[in-house]
C-alpha atoms as a PDB file:
ATOM      1  CA  GLN A   1     -11.535 -15.980   7.224  1.00  0.00           C
ATOM      2  CA  LEU A   2     -10.878 -12.429   6.091  1.00  0.00           C
ATOM      3  CA  GLN A   3      -7.220 -11.918   5.334  1.00  0.00           C
ATOM      4  CA  LEU A   4      -4.989  -9.376   3.608  1.00  0.00           C
ATOM      5  CA  VAL A   5      -1.521 -10.429   2.488  1.00  0.00           C
ATOM      6  CA  GLU A   6       0.949  -7.791   1.342  1.00  0.00           C
ATOM      7  CA  SER A   7       4.011  -8.458  -0.801  1.00  0.00           C
ATOM      8  CA  GLY A   8       6.452  -6.752  -3.128  1.00  0.00           C
ATOM      9  CA  GLY A   9       8.616  -4.895  -0.659  1.00  0.00           C
ATOM     10  CA  ASP A  10      12.337  -4.853  -1.303  1.00  0.00           C
ATOM     11  CA  LEU A  11      15.619  -3.049  -0.822  1.00  0.00           C
ATOM     12  CA  VAL A  12      16.002  -0.594  -3.695  1.00  0.00           C
ATOM     13  CA  GLN A  13      18.063   2.411  -4.659  1.00  0.00           C
ATOM     14  CA  PRO A  14      16.786   5.968  -4.942  1.00  0.00           C
ATOM     15  CA  GLY A  15      14.954   6.582  -8.179  1.00  0.00           C
ATOM     16  CA  GLU A  16      13.895   2.991  -8.620  1.00  0.00           C
ATOM     17  CA  SER A  17      10.356   1.646  -8.637  1.00  0.00           C
ATOM     18  CA  LEU A  18       8.431  -1.003  -6.759  1.00  0.00           C
ATOM     19  CA  ARG A  19       4.948  -2.394  -7.037  1.00  0.00           C
ATOM     20  CA  LEU A  20       3.338  -3.604  -3.850  1.00  0.00           C
ATOM     21  CA  SER A  21       0.469  -6.064  -3.917  1.00  0.00           C
ATOM     22  CA  CYS A  22      -2.193  -6.873  -1.370  1.00  0.00           C
ATOM     23  CA  VAL A  23      -4.186 -10.020  -1.978  1.00  0.00           C
ATOM     24  CA  ALA A  24      -7.462 -10.340  -0.161  1.00  0.00           C
ATOM     25  CA  SER A  25      -9.244 -13.526   0.782  1.00  0.00           C
ATOM     26  CA  GLY A  26     -12.503 -12.039  -0.456  1.00  0.00           C
ATOM     27  CA  SER A  27     -13.890  -9.424  -2.763  1.00  0.00           C
ATOM     28  CA  LEU A  28     -12.703  -5.844  -2.441  1.00  0.00           C
ATOM     29  CA  ARG A  29     -15.102  -4.549  -5.057  1.00  0.00           C
ATOM     30  CA  TRP A  30     -17.246  -2.440  -2.732  1.00  0.00           C
ATOM     31  CA  ILE A  31     -14.661  -1.595  -0.116  1.00  0.00           C
ATOM     32  CA  ASN A  32     -12.635   1.582   0.321  1.00  0.00           C
ATOM     33  CA  MET A  33      -8.975   0.563   0.430  1.00  0.00           C
ATOM     34  CA  CYS A  34      -5.832   2.274   1.652  1.00  0.00           C
ATOM     35  CA  TRP A  35      -2.088   1.848   1.862  1.00  0.00           C
ATOM     36  CA  TYR A  36      -0.287   2.926   5.007  1.00  0.00           C
ATOM     37  CA  LEU A  37       3.362   3.001   5.956  1.00  0.00           C
ATOM     38  CA  GLU A  38       4.892   2.609   9.371  1.00  0.00           C
ATOM     39  CA  ALA A  39       8.486   3.498  10.128  1.00  0.00           C
ATOM     40  CA  THR A  40      10.091   2.075  13.240  1.00  0.00           C
ATOM     41  CA  GLY A  41       8.933   3.911  16.314  1.00  0.00           C
ATOM     42  CA  LYS A  42       6.519   6.120  14.397  1.00  0.00           C
ATOM     43  CA  ARG A  43       2.793   6.169  13.863  1.00  0.00           C
ATOM     44  CA  ARG A  44       1.225   4.506  10.883  1.00  0.00           C
ATOM     45  CA  GLU A  45       0.683   7.059   8.103  1.00  0.00           C
ATOM     46  CA  LEU A  46      -1.793   7.077   5.265  1.00  0.00           C
ATOM     47  CA  VAL A  47      -0.056   6.940   1.892  1.00  0.00           C
ATOM     48  CA  ALA A  48      -2.862   6.414  -0.594  1.00  0.00           C
ATOM     49  CA  ALA A  49      -6.578   5.693  -0.655  1.00  0.00           C
ATOM     50  CA  LEU A  50      -8.863   4.204  -3.271  1.00  0.00           C
ATOM     51  CA  GLY A  51     -12.590   4.494  -2.878  1.00  0.00           C
ATOM     52  CA  ALA A  52     -15.012   1.879  -4.080  1.00  0.00           C
ATOM     53  CA  ASP A  53     -16.165   4.526  -6.542  1.00  0.00           C
ATOM     54  CA  GLY A  54     -12.675   4.750  -8.000  1.00  0.00           C
ATOM     55  CA  ARG A  55     -11.668   8.052  -6.474  1.00  0.00           C
ATOM     56  CA  THR A  56      -8.108   8.248  -5.223  1.00  0.00           C
ATOM     57  CA  ASP A  57      -6.267  10.352  -2.697  1.00  0.00           C
ATOM     58  CA  TYR A  58      -2.583  10.571  -1.878  1.00  0.00           C
ATOM     59  CA  ALA A  59      -0.344  11.960   0.804  1.00  0.00           C
ATOM     60  CA  ASP A  60       1.379  15.108  -0.436  1.00  0.00           C
ATOM     61  CA  ALA A  61       4.782  13.438  -0.207  1.00  0.00           C
ATOM     62  CA  VAL A  62       3.870  10.802  -2.798  1.00  0.00           C
ATOM     63  CA  LYS A  63       1.598  12.694  -5.187  1.00  0.00           C
ATOM     64  CA  GLY A  64       2.754  12.253  -8.753  1.00  0.00           C
ATOM     65  CA  ARG A  65       4.993   9.302  -7.859  1.00  0.00           C
ATOM     66  CA  PHE A  66       2.680   6.662  -6.379  1.00  0.00           C
ATOM     67  CA  THR A  67      -0.439   5.134  -7.907  1.00  0.00           C
ATOM     68  CA  ILE A  68      -2.999   3.053  -6.072  1.00  0.00           C
ATOM     69  CA  SER A  69      -5.128   0.654  -8.083  1.00  0.00           C
ATOM     70  CA  LYS A  70      -7.171  -2.476  -7.740  1.00  0.00           C
ATOM     71  CA  ASP A  71      -7.958  -5.566  -9.794  1.00  0.00           C
ATOM     72  CA  ASN A  72     -11.341  -6.769  -8.624  1.00  0.00           C
ATOM     73  CA  SER A  73     -11.045  -9.981 -10.637  1.00  0.00           C
ATOM     74  CA  LYS A  74      -7.982 -10.905  -8.580  1.00  0.00           C
ATOM     75  CA  ASN A  75      -9.110  -9.410  -5.243  1.00  0.00           C
ATOM     76  CA  THR A  76      -5.821  -7.528  -5.283  1.00  0.00           C
ATOM     77  CA  LEU A  77      -4.851  -3.984  -4.367  1.00  0.00           C
ATOM     78  CA  TYR A  78      -1.661  -2.461  -5.760  1.00  0.00           C
ATOM     79  CA  LEU A  79       0.621   0.426  -4.999  1.00  0.00           C
ATOM     80  CA  GLN A  80       2.946   1.422  -7.809  1.00  0.00           C
ATOM     81  CA  MET A  81       5.791   3.427  -6.344  1.00  0.00           C
ATOM     82  CA  ASN A  82       8.045   5.330  -8.739  1.00  0.00           C
ATOM     83  CA  SER A  83      11.006   7.619  -8.165  1.00  0.00           C
ATOM     84  CA  LEU A  84      11.518   6.260  -4.690  1.00  0.00           C
ATOM     85  CA  LYS A  85      13.402   8.530  -2.329  1.00  0.00           C
ATOM     86  CA  PRO A  86      15.994   7.548   0.269  1.00  0.00           C
ATOM     87  CA  GLU A  87      14.141   7.241   3.524  1.00  0.00           C
ATOM     88  CA  GLU A  88      14.269   5.156   6.650  1.00  0.00           C
ATOM     89  CA  PRO A  89      12.903   1.640   6.273  1.00  0.00           C
ATOM     90  CA  ALA A  90       9.137   1.341   6.515  1.00  0.00           C
ATOM     91  CA  VAL A  91       6.578  -1.409   6.486  1.00  0.00           C
ATOM     92  CA  TYR A  92       3.682  -0.888   4.107  1.00  0.00           C
ATOM     93  CA  TYR A  93       0.252  -2.181   5.004  1.00  0.00           C
ATOM     94  CA  CYS A  94      -2.939  -2.337   3.028  1.00  0.00           C
ATOM     95  CA  HIS A  95      -6.156  -1.706   4.870  1.00  0.00           C
ATOM     96  CA  ALA A  96      -9.810  -2.278   4.113  1.00  0.00           C
ATOM     97  CA  GLU A  97     -12.107   0.285   5.709  1.00  0.00           C
ATOM     98  CA  GLY A  98     -15.116  -0.867   7.634  1.00  0.00           C
ATOM     99  CA  GLY A  99     -13.559  -2.602  10.606  1.00  0.00           C
ATOM    100  CA  LEU A 100     -14.087  -6.164   9.406  1.00  0.00           C
ATOM    101  CA  TRP A 101     -10.716  -6.892   7.855  1.00  0.00           C
ATOM    102  CA  PRO A 102      -7.692  -7.420  10.103  1.00  0.00           C
ATOM    103  CA  TRP A 103      -4.395  -5.774   9.276  1.00  0.00           C
ATOM    104  CA  GLY A 104      -1.933  -7.923   7.340  1.00  0.00           C
ATOM    105  CA  GLN A 105       1.700  -8.508   8.204  1.00  0.00           C
ATOM    106  CA  GLY A 106       2.891  -5.750   5.894  1.00  0.00           C
ATOM    107  CA  THR A 107       5.787  -5.672   3.482  1.00  0.00           C
ATOM    108  CA  GLN A 108       9.044  -3.832   4.101  1.00  0.00           C
ATOM    109  CA  VAL A 109      10.426  -1.213   1.756  1.00  0.00           C
ATOM    110  CA  THR A 110      13.918   0.176   2.158  1.00  0.00           C
ATOM    111  CA  VAL A 111      15.320   2.838  -0.124  1.00  0.00           C
ATOM    112  CA  THR A 112      19.020   3.393   0.316  1.00  0.00           C
ATOM    113  CA  SER A 113      22.073   4.106  -1.751  1.00  0.00           C
END
């Protein structure tokens, strides 16, 4: 069964860092992967993307602060988030493009002073 399980979300203060993880039940080696965030009552937004060829892309709001990466040996996708800014709580989801992998349950990140 294809499954993505996110973790690493937490309540942090502005300026702090978090690393989110997304463990897959199968290989992600040849799959384009993304991280999205969803704030309450708002549409899911693309935060970062990592192509199977290693190319990355980021939303303007996180460029220079977030890094998406993958460990194929562990079937795990990461999102390193630095210099976090105070924002409303959001749930972060990883997503595998192609339509075969279901969305995971997400992991909540709250940045507040």
